[in-house]
Amino acid sequence: MELASATEKYRDYIEASLTPGTARAYMPGVRHLLRYLEECYPDVTEVEQLTPVMGMGYVEYIYRYLLERAGGRPEKIRESTKQLYIMSASSFFEWLVIQTERVTWTLAEYEKLKKAYLKAAKTKNRGQLPPERLPTDEIIALLLAEVERPVNLEGLSPGEAKRQELAWLRNIAMIRTMQSSGIRVGELVHLERGHLLFEEHALIIKNGKGGKDRKVLLTPEAWAAIQLYLSARKDRGKNVLTLPLFSRHDRGAGGKIVALTTRTVQNVLEQLSVSSGIYRRFHLTPHTLRHWFATEFLSRTGNLALTQFALGHASPTTTRIYAQDKWEDYKDAYEEAFGQ
């Protein structure tokens, strides 16, 4: 993939997962990174050619750039600007390594670059990163507490009370599923009841990105929430296994089991964000839950290749390393990380 093309795809990614203002703020740092690569490595035009050493050089480059702008006076360099330029480049490399299949560095190489960027930006740990980049554990806890808060059904007709109860149970199961598996929202809305794997408390994702099938594990809480929701739905019929796993429960559905759209899932998160007050401090989207899972899985297991496997990426490096028993390795790592 050409660097210019990768930059455009990265911009689409952050515009979808961050607030508009934060997305705009990150792009200048990425453009400085590209300018650095053009000046220092003119023969590098593809992301596959990038190395951690090239990434390391950006820290010195951006410091000299800011020093020149400050008239050679280090005390005039704005720390917030330096931090933003460095962390936006760090976010770009994180996206290349974890969210795409193009850059296949080892875990040690990736962690070394990440730590260098954190040190240069004077950020000690993940909790100090700009809050728009990644939901904190506190935000995830607020989200779960809000979605699980019982709904008030008093004074409603039996039909409306049933619809709201089902929507409430569905939302709990849906949020728990995304938070504990890292699946894409497009994969979530295409799940069917037949995709549940009861023996392993897992889901099979059919025709995921790249047309690939894969399995993902769920935490006990997520699995229990799905079973409670489906029990309340009381589906009937010989084709029950082909019914959507998560369905609409509004009047427009007319009592039919109709699959959700990605926009509906986004609306649910937006409503929960507003009712919980999360919207005042963080732009919550389905993709930020995937991002949280990826970072949490990587930080708990220390295994970049298995993190890529869990997210449904199949880079050549991952495939070579885990050609044998990838699923068993993933299960062991998941159970250790999330206490299943």
Protein backbone atom coordinates (compact mmCIF):
# COMPACT_ATOMS: atom_id res chain seq x y z
CA MET A 1 0.00 0.00 0.00
CA GLU A 2 1.39 3.41 -0.96
CA LEU A 3 2.06 5.80 1.90
CA ALA A 4 -0.27 8.40 0.41
CA SER A 5 -3.08 5.86 0.16
CA ALA A 6 -2.43 4.66 3.71
CA THR A 7 -2.68 8.24 4.94
CA GLU A 8 -6.10 8.65 3.36
CA LYS A 9 -7.34 5.38 4.86
CA TYR A 10 -5.99 6.39 8.26
CA ARG A 11 -7.82 9.71 8.00
CA ASP A 12 -11.07 7.85 7.29
CA TYR A 13 -10.38 5.64 10.31
CA ILE A 14 -9.84 8.47 12.79
CA GLU A 15 -12.73 10.50 11.42
CA ALA A 16 -14.97 7.50 12.12
CA SER A 17 -13.60 6.78 15.60
CA LEU A 18 -12.65 10.19 17.03
CA THR A 19 -14.36 13.54 17.45
CA PRO A 20 -14.06 15.75 14.33
CA GLY A 21 -11.81 18.22 16.16
CA THR A 22 -9.43 15.51 17.37
CA ALA A 23 -9.29 13.91 13.93
CA ARG A 24 -8.32 17.25 12.39
CA ALA A 25 -5.70 17.82 15.10
CA TYR A 26 -4.02 14.46 14.43
CA MET A 27 -3.51 14.86 10.70
CA PRO A 28 -0.76 17.55 10.80
CA GLY A 29 1.43 15.19 12.81
CA VAL A 30 0.92 12.46 10.22
CA ARG A 31 1.75 14.88 7.41
CA HIS A 32 4.97 15.82 9.24
CA LEU A 33 5.77 12.11 9.47
CA LEU A 34 5.32 11.71 5.71
CA ARG A 35 7.45 14.79 5.07
CA TYR A 36 10.17 13.32 7.28
CA LEU A 37 10.06 10.04 5.36
CA GLU A 38 10.21 11.86 2.01
CA GLU A 39 13.26 13.85 3.12
CA CYS A 40 15.19 11.11 4.91
CA TYR A 41 14.02 7.99 3.03
CA PRO A 42 13.07 9.13 -0.48
CA ASP A 43 13.05 5.55 -1.81
CA VAL A 44 10.38 4.47 0.69
CA THR A 45 6.96 4.79 -0.92
CA GLU A 46 5.12 1.75 0.45
CA VAL A 47 4.07 1.08 4.05
CA GLU A 48 5.55 -2.41 3.76
CA GLN A 49 8.99 -0.77 3.56
CA LEU A 50 8.65 0.99 6.91
CA THR A 51 10.89 -0.12 9.76
CA PRO A 52 10.95 0.75 13.48
CA VAL A 53 14.27 2.53 12.93
CA MET A 54 12.56 4.91 10.52
CA GLY A 55 9.88 5.55 13.11
CA MET A 56 12.50 6.30 15.77
CA GLY A 57 14.07 9.00 13.62
CA TYR A 58 10.83 10.96 13.53
CA VAL A 59 11.24 12.01 17.18
CA GLU A 60 14.48 13.89 16.47
CA TYR A 61 13.09 15.25 13.20
CA ILE A 62 9.99 16.78 14.80
CA TYR A 63 12.06 18.24 17.65
CA ARG A 64 14.40 19.97 15.19
CA TYR A 65 11.40 21.22 13.21
CA LEU A 66 9.81 22.73 16.31
CA LEU A 67 13.15 24.12 17.48
CA GLU A 68 13.59 25.91 14.16
CA ARG A 69 10.10 27.35 14.44
CA ALA A 70 10.94 28.52 17.96
CA GLY A 71 13.96 30.44 16.68
CA GLY A 72 16.42 27.96 18.17
CA ARG A 73 15.09 28.47 21.69
CA PRO A 74 14.06 25.15 23.29
CA GLU A 75 12.09 26.89 26.04
CA LYS A 76 9.79 28.32 23.37
CA ILE A 77 8.72 24.89 22.12
CA ARG A 78 5.16 24.21 23.15
CA GLU A 79 5.06 20.83 24.90
CA SER A 80 1.44 20.28 23.89
CA THR A 81 2.32 20.70 20.20
CA LYS A 82 5.29 18.35 20.44
CA GLN A 83 3.17 15.79 22.25
CA LEU A 84 0.39 16.00 19.68
CA TYR A 85 2.78 15.56 16.73
CA ILE A 86 4.49 12.58 18.34
CA MET A 87 1.34 10.86 19.56
CA SER A 88 -0.42 11.31 16.22
CA ALA A 89 2.51 9.54 14.56
CA SER A 90 2.30 6.86 17.25
CA SER A 91 -1.41 6.44 16.51
CA PHE A 92 -0.64 6.10 12.80
CA PHE A 93 1.91 3.34 13.43
CA GLU A 94 -0.47 1.62 15.84
CA TRP A 95 -3.11 1.63 13.13
CA LEU A 96 -0.66 0.23 10.58
CA VAL A 97 0.52 -2.56 12.87
CA ILE A 98 -2.68 -3.56 14.68
CA GLN A 99 -5.57 -2.42 12.49
CA THR A 100 -4.13 -3.32 9.07
CA GLU A 101 -2.24 -6.29 7.68
CA ARG A 102 0.51 -4.33 5.96
CA VAL A 103 3.20 -3.76 8.59
CA THR A 104 4.39 -7.01 10.13
CA TRP A 105 6.82 -6.02 12.84
CA THR A 106 7.52 -8.22 15.83
CA LEU A 107 5.97 -7.36 19.17
CA ALA A 108 9.38 -6.30 20.52
CA GLU A 109 9.90 -3.90 17.60
CA TYR A 110 6.46 -2.37 17.95
CA GLU A 111 6.70 -1.99 21.74
CA LYS A 112 10.14 -0.41 21.49
CA LEU A 113 8.87 2.28 19.12
CA LYS A 114 5.74 2.84 21.19
CA LYS A 115 7.74 3.30 24.39
CA ALA A 116 10.12 5.71 22.65
CA TYR A 117 7.17 7.81 21.49
CA LEU A 118 5.59 7.80 24.95
CA LYS A 119 8.87 8.88 26.52
CA ALA A 120 9.45 11.62 23.94
CA ALA A 121 5.89 12.90 24.44
CA LYS A 122 6.35 12.79 28.21
CA THR A 123 3.39 10.48 28.61
CA LYS A 124 3.99 7.79 31.19
CA ASN A 125 1.11 5.42 30.66
CA ARG A 126 -2.03 4.74 28.70
CA GLY A 127 -4.20 6.56 31.22
CA GLN A 128 -2.41 9.79 30.34
CA LEU A 129 -2.94 9.54 26.60
CA PRO A 130 -5.37 12.03 25.05
CA PRO A 131 -8.79 10.77 26.20
CA GLU A 132 -10.26 10.94 22.67
CA ARG A 133 -7.99 8.16 21.45
CA LEU A 134 -9.11 5.33 23.71
CA PRO A 135 -11.92 4.87 26.24
CA THR A 136 -10.54 4.46 29.74
CA ASP A 137 -11.58 1.64 32.02
CA GLU A 138 -13.71 4.17 33.88
CA ILE A 139 -15.63 5.04 30.70
CA ILE A 140 -16.19 1.36 29.93
CA ALA A 141 -17.48 0.86 33.49
CA LEU A 142 -19.83 3.85 33.11
CA LEU A 143 -21.12 2.47 29.81
CA LEU A 144 -21.81 -0.98 31.27
CA ALA A 145 -23.47 0.49 34.35
CA GLU A 146 -25.71 2.67 32.18
CA VAL A 147 -26.78 -0.05 29.75
CA GLU A 148 -27.55 -2.44 32.62
CA ARG A 149 -29.57 0.12 34.60
CA PRO A 150 -33.12 -1.28 34.77
CA VAL A 151 -35.69 0.45 32.59
CA ASN A 152 -38.90 1.86 34.07
CA LEU A 153 -41.86 0.03 32.51
CA GLU A 154 -44.59 1.40 34.79
CA GLY A 155 -47.64 2.79 33.06
CA LEU A 156 -46.79 1.26 29.68
CA SER A 157 -49.08 -0.99 27.71
CA PRO A 158 -48.13 -4.69 27.80
CA GLY A 159 -46.93 -4.55 24.20
CA GLU A 160 -44.78 -1.44 24.69
CA ALA A 161 -43.39 -2.75 27.99
CA LYS A 162 -42.34 -5.97 26.26
CA ARG A 163 -40.66 -4.07 23.41
CA GLN A 164 -38.70 -1.86 25.79
CA GLU A 165 -37.67 -4.80 27.95
CA LEU A 166 -36.40 -6.70 24.91
CA ALA A 167 -34.52 -3.64 23.63
CA TRP A 168 -32.92 -3.24 27.07
CA LEU A 169 -31.82 -6.89 27.23
CA ARG A 170 -30.60 -6.70 23.63
CA ASN A 171 -28.52 -3.61 24.33
CA ILE A 172 -26.85 -5.24 27.33
CA ALA A 173 -25.99 -8.32 25.27
CA MET A 174 -24.86 -6.22 22.31
CA ILE A 175 -22.55 -3.92 24.31
CA ARG A 176 -21.12 -6.85 26.26
CA THR A 177 -20.46 -8.71 23.00
CA MET A 178 -18.61 -5.81 21.35
CA GLN A 179 -16.64 -4.97 24.50
CA SER A 180 -15.51 -8.56 25.10
CA SER A 181 -14.76 -9.66 21.54
CA GLY A 182 -13.66 -6.61 19.54
CA ILE A 183 -15.85 -7.54 16.57
CA ARG A 184 -16.68 -4.92 13.96
CA VAL A 185 -20.15 -3.37 14.03
CA GLY A 186 -20.71 -4.66 10.49
CA GLU A 187 -20.02 -8.18 11.74
CA LEU A 188 -22.29 -7.71 14.76
CA VAL A 189 -25.39 -6.84 12.75
CA HIS A 190 -24.96 -9.89 10.49
CA LEU A 191 -24.79 -12.42 13.32
CA GLU A 192 -27.45 -15.15 13.36
CA ARG A 193 -28.60 -17.42 16.17
CA GLY A 194 -26.91 -20.32 14.41
CA HIS A 195 -23.56 -18.56 14.80
CA LEU A 196 -23.54 -19.26 18.54
CA LEU A 197 -21.04 -21.94 19.56
CA PHE A 198 -22.41 -23.30 22.83
CA GLU A 199 -19.58 -25.62 23.82
CA GLU A 200 -16.96 -22.89 23.60
CA HIS A 201 -19.12 -19.86 24.52
CA ALA A 202 -18.05 -18.28 21.27
CA LEU A 203 -19.38 -16.84 18.02
CA ILE A 204 -18.52 -17.69 14.46
CA ILE A 205 -18.19 -14.59 12.28
CA LYS A 206 -19.30 -15.42 8.75
CA ASN A 207 -17.86 -13.52 5.81
CA GLY A 208 -15.89 -11.04 7.89
CA LYS A 209 -13.49 -8.54 6.39
CA GLY A 210 -11.86 -10.11 3.35
CA GLY A 211 -14.64 -12.71 3.13
CA LYS A 212 -13.08 -14.78 5.90
CA ASP A 213 -14.83 -16.78 8.61
CA ARG A 214 -13.43 -16.77 12.13
CA LYS A 215 -14.38 -17.54 15.71
CA VAL A 216 -14.32 -15.15 18.67
CA LEU A 217 -14.68 -15.89 22.35
CA LEU A 218 -17.02 -14.14 24.77
CA THR A 219 -16.71 -13.45 28.47
CA PRO A 220 -19.14 -15.28 30.80
CA GLU A 221 -21.00 -11.98 31.29
CA ALA A 222 -21.48 -11.49 27.55
CA TRP A 223 -22.56 -15.08 26.98
CA ALA A 224 -25.07 -14.95 29.86
CA ALA A 225 -26.49 -11.65 28.57
CA ILE A 226 -27.07 -13.16 25.11
CA GLN A 227 -28.81 -16.21 26.56
CA LEU A 228 -31.06 -14.06 28.77
CA TYR A 229 -31.99 -11.88 25.80
CA LEU A 230 -32.79 -14.81 23.52
CA SER A 231 -34.77 -16.52 26.26
CA ALA A 232 -36.93 -13.41 26.59
CA ARG A 233 -37.42 -13.24 22.81
CA LYS A 234 -38.96 -16.74 22.69
CA ASP A 235 -38.25 -17.30 19.00
CA ARG A 236 -40.17 -20.10 17.33
CA GLY A 237 -40.09 -21.91 14.00
CA LYS A 238 -37.99 -24.38 12.09
CA ASN A 239 -35.70 -21.63 10.76
CA VAL A 240 -34.90 -20.22 14.19
CA LEU A 241 -31.13 -20.64 13.69
CA THR A 242 -31.18 -18.27 10.70
CA LEU A 243 -32.84 -15.45 12.67
CA PRO A 244 -30.72 -12.38 13.52
CA LEU A 245 -28.94 -12.67 16.85
CA PHE A 246 -29.68 -9.02 17.61
CA SER A 247 -32.94 -7.63 16.26
CA ARG A 248 -35.11 -4.54 16.23
CA HIS A 249 -37.75 -4.08 18.90
CA ASP A 250 -39.47 -0.92 17.75
CA ARG A 251 -43.03 -0.59 16.52
CA GLY A 252 -41.85 -0.38 12.93
CA ALA A 253 -40.58 -3.95 13.09
CA GLY A 254 -44.17 -5.09 13.55
CA GLY A 255 -43.30 -8.01 15.79
CA LYS A 256 -40.98 -9.52 13.19
CA ILE A 257 -37.37 -10.48 13.91
CA VAL A 258 -35.59 -7.90 11.78
CA ALA A 259 -31.80 -7.44 11.81
CA LEU A 260 -30.28 -4.23 13.13
CA THR A 261 -28.40 -1.75 10.97
CA THR A 262 -25.01 -0.32 11.85
CA ARG A 263 -26.68 3.07 12.27
CA THR A 264 -29.04 1.62 14.89
CA VAL A 265 -26.08 0.31 16.89
CA GLN A 266 -24.42 3.73 16.65
CA ASN A 267 -27.65 5.36 17.84
CA VAL A 268 -27.81 3.06 20.86
CA LEU A 269 -24.26 4.00 21.84
CA GLU A 270 -24.98 7.69 21.32
CA GLN A 271 -28.06 7.48 23.57
CA LEU A 272 -26.11 5.64 26.27
CA SER A 273 -23.31 8.17 25.96
CA VAL A 274 -25.73 11.04 26.55
CA SER A 275 -27.71 9.43 29.39
CA SER A 276 -24.50 8.43 31.22
CA GLY A 277 -22.76 11.77 30.65
CA ILE A 278 -19.90 10.10 28.76
CA TYR A 279 -20.47 12.43 25.80
CA ARG A 280 -19.03 15.34 27.79
CA ARG A 281 -15.59 13.71 27.91
CA PHE A 282 -15.36 11.10 25.15
CA HIS A 283 -16.72 10.43 21.64
CA LEU A 284 -18.03 6.89 21.98
CA THR A 285 -18.52 4.79 18.83
CA PRO A 286 -18.71 1.06 18.10
CA HIS A 287 -15.16 1.22 16.78
CA THR A 288 -13.81 2.68 20.03
CA LEU A 289 -15.02 -0.50 21.77
CA ARG A 290 -13.05 -2.54 19.24
CA HIS A 291 -10.04 -0.28 19.84
CA TRP A 292 -10.41 -0.74 23.63
CA PHE A 293 -10.54 -4.52 23.26
CA ALA A 294 -7.47 -4.57 20.99
CA THR A 295 -5.42 -2.47 23.40
CA GLU A 296 -6.66 -4.40 26.44
CA PHE A 297 -5.95 -7.79 24.86
CA LEU A 298 -2.48 -6.69 23.77
CA SER A 299 -1.60 -5.16 27.14
CA ARG A 300 -2.79 -8.24 29.06
CA THR A 301 -1.24 -10.88 26.81
CA GLY A 302 1.77 -9.06 25.36
CA ASN A 303 1.16 -10.98 22.13
CA LEU A 304 0.80 -8.80 19.03
CA ALA A 305 0.22 -11.71 16.63
CA LEU A 306 -2.60 -13.15 18.74
CA THR A 307 -4.11 -9.68 19.06
CA GLN A 308 -4.21 -9.45 15.27
CA PHE A 309 -5.74 -12.95 15.18
CA ALA A 310 -8.41 -11.96 17.73
CA LEU A 311 -9.34 -8.91 15.63
CA GLY A 312 -9.69 -10.95 12.45
CA HIS A 313 -6.45 -9.83 10.83
CA ALA A 314 -4.41 -12.41 9.00
CA SER A 315 -1.04 -10.88 8.21
CA PRO A 316 1.60 -13.13 6.63
CA THR A 317 3.61 -12.98 9.85
CA THR A 318 0.63 -14.01 11.97
CA THR A 319 -0.20 -16.85 9.60
CA ARG A 320 3.36 -18.17 9.64
CA ILE A 321 3.75 -18.01 13.40
CA TYR A 322 0.35 -19.46 14.24
CA ALA A 323 -0.21 -21.89 11.39
CA GLN A 324 -0.70 -24.60 14.03
CA ASP A 325 -3.32 -24.36 16.78
CA LYS A 326 -4.01 -20.64 16.43
CA TRP A 327 -7.46 -21.10 17.96
CA GLU A 328 -6.09 -22.96 20.99
CA ASP A 329 -3.42 -20.31 21.53
CA TYR A 330 -6.07 -17.59 21.29
CA LYS A 331 -8.35 -19.45 23.75
CA ASP A 332 -5.56 -19.83 26.28
CA ALA A 333 -4.59 -16.17 26.00
CA TYR A 334 -8.21 -15.00 26.18
CA GLU A 335 -9.01 -17.09 29.24
CA GLU A 336 -5.89 -15.84 30.99
CA ALA A 337 -6.59 -12.20 30.05
CA PHE A 338 -10.32 -12.06 30.74
CA GLY A 339 -10.71 -14.78 33.33
CA GLN A 340 -13.11 -16.94 31.41
